[in-house]
Amino acid sequence: MRFMVLVKANKDSEAGVLPTEEQLLEMNTFNEQLMKAGVMLAGEGLQPSSKGARIAFGPNGKTGVIDGPFAETKELLGGFWIVQMKSKAECIEWFSRAPFRGGEIEIRQVFDSADFEPVIKADEGRAMLAWEDEMRRQGK
C-alpha cells in the first residue's frame, strides 16, 4: 500500500523560516532510514503558501486563480512523503519516529488501480487502469 504522509504547515514555515542545520541533519537521518528500508518513494518540503496559488473551479467550469499567501495555516501543508508500506499500522509506527518537535502529520492511503475495479465496466476503463499501473512502474 502506498501512503502520503502530509506535514502540516505552521507559523514559522509560512513565514519562510528555514529549519536549523541540526533539524536538517535529523530529517536527513530519518529519510535515510526510510530509503534503506526501501519504503520511501518521494519526500520534499514545501515553500510557504505566499509563493503558491490555488485554482478554484466553479460549477460552470470556469476557473479562477487565487495567489497566496493563504490565511488558515492549520489547513496548509509544509511538506510530504510518499511511502510504500504493508499497512497503515506500519506507516504510523515509522512516522511516530519522525524528528518533529511539535506540530502534526497526517497519513492518507493512496488509491491503487484495484480500488477502482468495482466501477470499471468497459474494456476502455480496464485499459486505462493498466496504462496507469505501467506509468507508475516506470516512475512517470
C-alpha atoms as a PDB file:
ATOM      1  CA  MET A   1       0.000   0.000   0.000  1.00  0.00           C
ATOM      2  CA  ARG A   2       1.125   3.485  -0.748  1.00  0.00           C
ATOM      3  CA  PHE A   3       0.606   6.279   1.739  1.00  0.00           C
ATOM      4  CA  MET A   4       1.034  10.029   1.534  1.00  0.00           C
ATOM      5  CA  VAL A   5       2.286  11.483   4.773  1.00  0.00           C
ATOM      6  CA  LEU A   6       1.363  15.161   4.969  1.00  0.00           C
ATOM      7  CA  VAL A   7       3.329  17.564   7.139  1.00  0.00           C
ATOM      8  CA  LYS A   8       1.167  20.388   8.418  1.00  0.00           C
ATOM      9  CA  ALA A   9       2.463  23.932   7.971  1.00  0.00           C
ATOM     10  CA  ASN A  10       2.975  26.206  10.952  1.00  0.00           C
ATOM     11  CA  LYS A  11       3.580  29.883  11.635  1.00  0.00           C
ATOM     12  CA  ASP A  12       7.340  29.527  11.084  1.00  0.00           C
ATOM     13  CA  SER A  13       7.123  27.512   7.859  1.00  0.00           C
ATOM     14  CA  GLU A  14       4.599  30.000   6.456  1.00  0.00           C
ATOM     15  CA  ALA A  15       6.945  32.871   7.383  1.00  0.00           C
ATOM     16  CA  GLY A  16       9.717  31.188   5.373  1.00  0.00           C
ATOM     17  CA  VAL A  17      11.785  30.337   8.460  1.00  0.00           C
ATOM     18  CA  LEU A  18      14.227  27.620   7.420  1.00  0.00           C
ATOM     19  CA  PRO A  19      14.980  24.662   9.665  1.00  0.00           C
ATOM     20  CA  THR A  20      18.231  24.700  11.574  1.00  0.00           C
ATOM     21  CA  GLU A  21      21.194  22.660  10.404  1.00  0.00           C
ATOM     22  CA  GLU A  22      20.565  20.274  13.298  1.00  0.00           C
ATOM     23  CA  GLN A  23      16.942  19.806  12.204  1.00  0.00           C
ATOM     24  CA  LEU A  24      18.014  19.228   8.598  1.00  0.00           C
ATOM     25  CA  LEU A  25      20.527  16.594   9.697  1.00  0.00           C
ATOM     26  CA  GLU A  26      17.917  14.846  11.866  1.00  0.00           C
ATOM     27  CA  MET A  27      15.453  14.793   8.967  1.00  0.00           C
ATOM     28  CA  ASN A  28      18.160  13.513   6.621  1.00  0.00           C
ATOM     29  CA  THR A  29      18.903  10.660   9.041  1.00  0.00           C
ATOM     30  CA  PHE A  30      15.198   9.765   9.191  1.00  0.00           C
ATOM     31  CA  ASN A  31      14.894   9.901   5.389  1.00  0.00           C
ATOM     32  CA  GLU A  32      17.982   7.698   5.019  1.00  0.00           C
ATOM     33  CA  GLN A  33      16.334   5.117   7.290  1.00  0.00           C
ATOM     34  CA  LEU A  34      13.217   5.173   5.110  1.00  0.00           C
ATOM     35  CA  MET A  35      15.321   4.804   1.945  1.00  0.00           C
ATOM     36  CA  LYS A  36      17.467   1.969   3.364  1.00  0.00           C
ATOM     37  CA  ALA A  37      14.262   0.146   4.321  1.00  0.00           C
ATOM     38  CA  GLY A  38      13.100   0.587   0.706  1.00  0.00           C
ATOM     39  CA  VAL A  39       9.835   2.276   1.665  1.00  0.00           C
ATOM     40  CA  MET A  40      10.402   5.914   0.656  1.00  0.00           C
ATOM     41  CA  LEU A  41       9.160   6.763  -2.838  1.00  0.00           C
ATOM     42  CA  ALA A  42       9.349  10.572  -2.563  1.00  0.00           C
ATOM     43  CA  GLY A  43       9.518  13.311   0.007  1.00  0.00           C
ATOM     44  CA  GLU A  44      10.025  17.067  -0.006  1.00  0.00           C
ATOM     45  CA  GLY A  45       9.438  20.203   1.991  1.00  0.00           C
ATOM     46  CA  LEU A  46       7.208  22.885   0.512  1.00  0.00           C
ATOM     47  CA  GLN A  47       7.812  26.603   0.118  1.00  0.00           C
ATOM     48  CA  PRO A  48       5.430  28.915   2.017  1.00  0.00           C
ATOM     49  CA  SER A  49       1.964  29.495   0.586  1.00  0.00           C
ATOM     50  CA  SER A  50       2.992  33.082  -0.246  1.00  0.00           C
ATOM     51  CA  LYS A  51       4.839  31.545  -3.205  1.00  0.00           C
ATOM     52  CA  GLY A  52       1.878  29.414  -4.227  1.00  0.00           C
ATOM     53  CA  ALA A  53      -1.517  29.696  -5.852  1.00  0.00           C
ATOM     54  CA  ARG A  54      -4.849  27.923  -5.797  1.00  0.00           C
ATOM     55  CA  ILE A  55      -7.106  27.272  -8.755  1.00  0.00           C
ATOM     56  CA  ALA A  56     -10.812  27.472  -7.934  1.00  0.00           C
ATOM     57  CA  PHE A  57     -13.215  25.534 -10.173  1.00  0.00           C
ATOM     58  CA  GLY A  58     -16.721  26.959 -10.495  1.00  0.00           C
ATOM     59  CA  PRO A  59     -19.817  24.835 -11.147  1.00  0.00           C
ATOM     60  CA  ASN A  60     -19.955  26.205 -14.694  1.00  0.00           C
ATOM     61  CA  GLY A  61     -16.392  25.013 -15.424  1.00  0.00           C
ATOM     62  CA  LYS A  62     -14.916  28.493 -15.122  1.00  0.00           C
ATOM     63  CA  THR A  63     -11.658  28.722 -13.186  1.00  0.00           C
ATOM     64  CA  GLY A  64     -10.135  31.431 -11.071  1.00  0.00           C
ATOM     65  CA  VAL A  65      -6.629  31.771  -9.653  1.00  0.00           C
ATOM     66  CA  ILE A  66      -6.039  32.820  -6.048  1.00  0.00           C
ATOM     67  CA  ASP A  67      -2.479  33.826  -5.237  1.00  0.00           C
ATOM     68  CA  GLY A  68      -1.011  33.054  -1.808  1.00  0.00           C
ATOM     69  CA  PRO A  69      -0.430  33.604   0.991  1.00  0.00           C
ATOM     70  CA  PHE A  70      -3.386  31.792   2.475  1.00  0.00           C
ATOM     71  CA  ALA A  71      -4.695  32.771   5.894  1.00  0.00           C
ATOM     72  CA  GLU A  72      -5.582  29.456   7.530  1.00  0.00           C
ATOM     73  CA  THR A  73      -2.222  27.933   8.463  1.00  0.00           C
ATOM     74  CA  LYS A  74      -3.949  24.910  10.006  1.00  0.00           C
ATOM     75  CA  GLU A  75      -5.166  23.953   6.531  1.00  0.00           C
ATOM     76  CA  LEU A  76      -1.776  24.272   4.812  1.00  0.00           C
ATOM     77  CA  LEU A  77       0.951  21.764   4.077  1.00  0.00           C
ATOM     78  CA  GLY A  78       4.626  22.224   4.811  1.00  0.00           C
ATOM     79  CA  GLY A  79       5.904  19.014   3.214  1.00  0.00           C
ATOM     80  CA  PHE A  80       5.139  15.417   2.301  1.00  0.00           C
ATOM     81  CA  TRP A  81       6.402  11.891   1.865  1.00  0.00           C
ATOM     82  CA  ILE A  82       5.058   9.161  -0.378  1.00  0.00           C
ATOM     83  CA  VAL A  83       5.907   5.767   1.044  1.00  0.00           C
ATOM     84  CA  GLN A  84       5.201   2.101   0.357  1.00  0.00           C
ATOM     85  CA  MET A  85       4.178   0.230   3.500  1.00  0.00           C
ATOM     86  CA  LYS A  86       2.483  -3.070   4.299  1.00  0.00           C
ATOM     87  CA  SER A  87      -0.208  -1.386   6.376  1.00  0.00           C
ATOM     88  CA  LYS A  88      -1.380   1.841   7.957  1.00  0.00           C
ATOM     89  CA  ALA A  89      -0.122   0.494  11.284  1.00  0.00           C
ATOM     90  CA  GLU A  90       3.396   0.128   9.843  1.00  0.00           C
ATOM     91  CA  CYS A  91       3.223   3.669   8.478  1.00  0.00           C
ATOM     92  CA  ILE A  92       2.135   5.004  11.868  1.00  0.00           C
ATOM     93  CA  GLU A  93       4.976   3.112  13.545  1.00  0.00           C
ATOM     94  CA  TRP A  94       7.564   4.574  11.164  1.00  0.00           C
ATOM     95  CA  PHE A  95       6.326   8.151  11.293  1.00  0.00           C
ATOM     96  CA  SER A  96       5.895   8.156  15.051  1.00  0.00           C
ATOM     97  CA  ARG A  97       9.701   8.359  14.985  1.00  0.00           C
ATOM     98  CA  ALA A  98       9.826  11.396  12.666  1.00  0.00           C
ATOM     99  CA  PRO A  99      12.077  14.096  14.157  1.00  0.00           C
ATOM    100  CA  PHE A 100       9.460  16.764  14.840  1.00  0.00           C
ATOM    101  CA  ARG A 101       9.116  18.901  17.934  1.00  0.00           C
ATOM    102  CA  GLY A 102       5.522  19.998  17.965  1.00  0.00           C
ATOM    103  CA  GLY A 103       3.118  20.036  15.058  1.00  0.00           C
ATOM    104  CA  GLU A 104       1.247  17.270  13.373  1.00  0.00           C
ATOM    105  CA  ILE A 105       1.396  14.972  10.364  1.00  0.00           C
ATOM    106  CA  GLU A 106      -1.459  13.270   8.543  1.00  0.00           C
ATOM    107  CA  ILE A 107      -1.314   9.819   6.954  1.00  0.00           C
ATOM    108  CA  ARG A 108      -3.554   9.065   3.979  1.00  0.00           C
ATOM    109  CA  GLN A 109      -3.636   5.910   1.881  1.00  0.00           C
ATOM    110  CA  VAL A 110      -3.211   6.490  -1.861  1.00  0.00           C
ATOM    111  CA  PHE A 111      -5.715   4.831  -4.181  1.00  0.00           C
ATOM    112  CA  ASP A 112      -4.436   1.877  -6.193  1.00  0.00           C
ATOM    113  CA  SER A 113      -5.929   0.765  -9.501  1.00  0.00           C
ATOM    114  CA  ALA A 114      -7.589  -2.213  -7.814  1.00  0.00           C
ATOM    115  CA  ASP A 115      -9.657   0.195  -5.703  1.00  0.00           C
ATOM    116  CA  PHE A 116     -11.463   1.363  -8.863  1.00  0.00           C
ATOM    117  CA  GLU A 117     -12.213  -2.074 -10.338  1.00  0.00           C
ATOM    118  CA  PRO A 118     -15.764  -2.204  -8.888  1.00  0.00           C
ATOM    119  CA  VAL A 119     -16.792   0.801 -11.019  1.00  0.00           C
ATOM    120  CA  ILE A 120     -14.989  -0.220 -14.232  1.00  0.00           C
ATOM    121  CA  LYS A 121     -17.365  -1.903 -16.680  1.00  0.00           C
ATOM    122  CA  ALA A 122     -15.752  -1.470 -20.128  1.00  0.00           C
ATOM    123  CA  ASP A 123     -12.508  -2.606 -21.745  1.00  0.00           C
ATOM    124  CA  GLU A 124     -11.561   1.060 -22.157  1.00  0.00           C
ATOM    125  CA  GLY A 125     -11.620   1.516 -18.370  1.00  0.00           C
ATOM    126  CA  ARG A 126      -9.541  -1.627 -17.781  1.00  0.00           C
ATOM    127  CA  ALA A 127      -7.018  -0.423 -20.378  1.00  0.00           C
ATOM    128  CA  MET A 128      -6.803   2.952 -18.622  1.00  0.00           C
ATOM    129  CA  LEU A 129      -6.058   1.268 -15.266  1.00  0.00           C
ATOM    130  CA  ALA A 130      -3.389  -0.947 -16.877  1.00  0.00           C
ATOM    131  CA  TRP A 131      -1.802   2.120 -18.504  1.00  0.00           C
ATOM    132  CA  GLU A 132      -1.744   3.980 -15.162  1.00  0.00           C
ATOM    133  CA  ASP A 133      -0.129   0.975 -13.449  1.00  0.00           C
ATOM    134  CA  GLU A 134       2.556   0.852 -16.160  1.00  0.00           C
ATOM    135  CA  MET A 135       3.270   4.576 -15.795  1.00  0.00           C
ATOM    136  CA  ARG A 136       3.715   4.107 -12.017  1.00  0.00           C
ATOM    137  CA  ARG A 137       6.117   1.199 -12.602  1.00  0.00           C
ATOM    138  CA  GLN A 138       8.139   3.374 -14.969  1.00  0.00           C
ATOM    139  CA  GLY A 139       8.134   6.253 -12.488  1.00  0.00           C
ATOM    140  CA  LYS A 140       6.338   8.697 -14.796  1.00  0.00           C
END
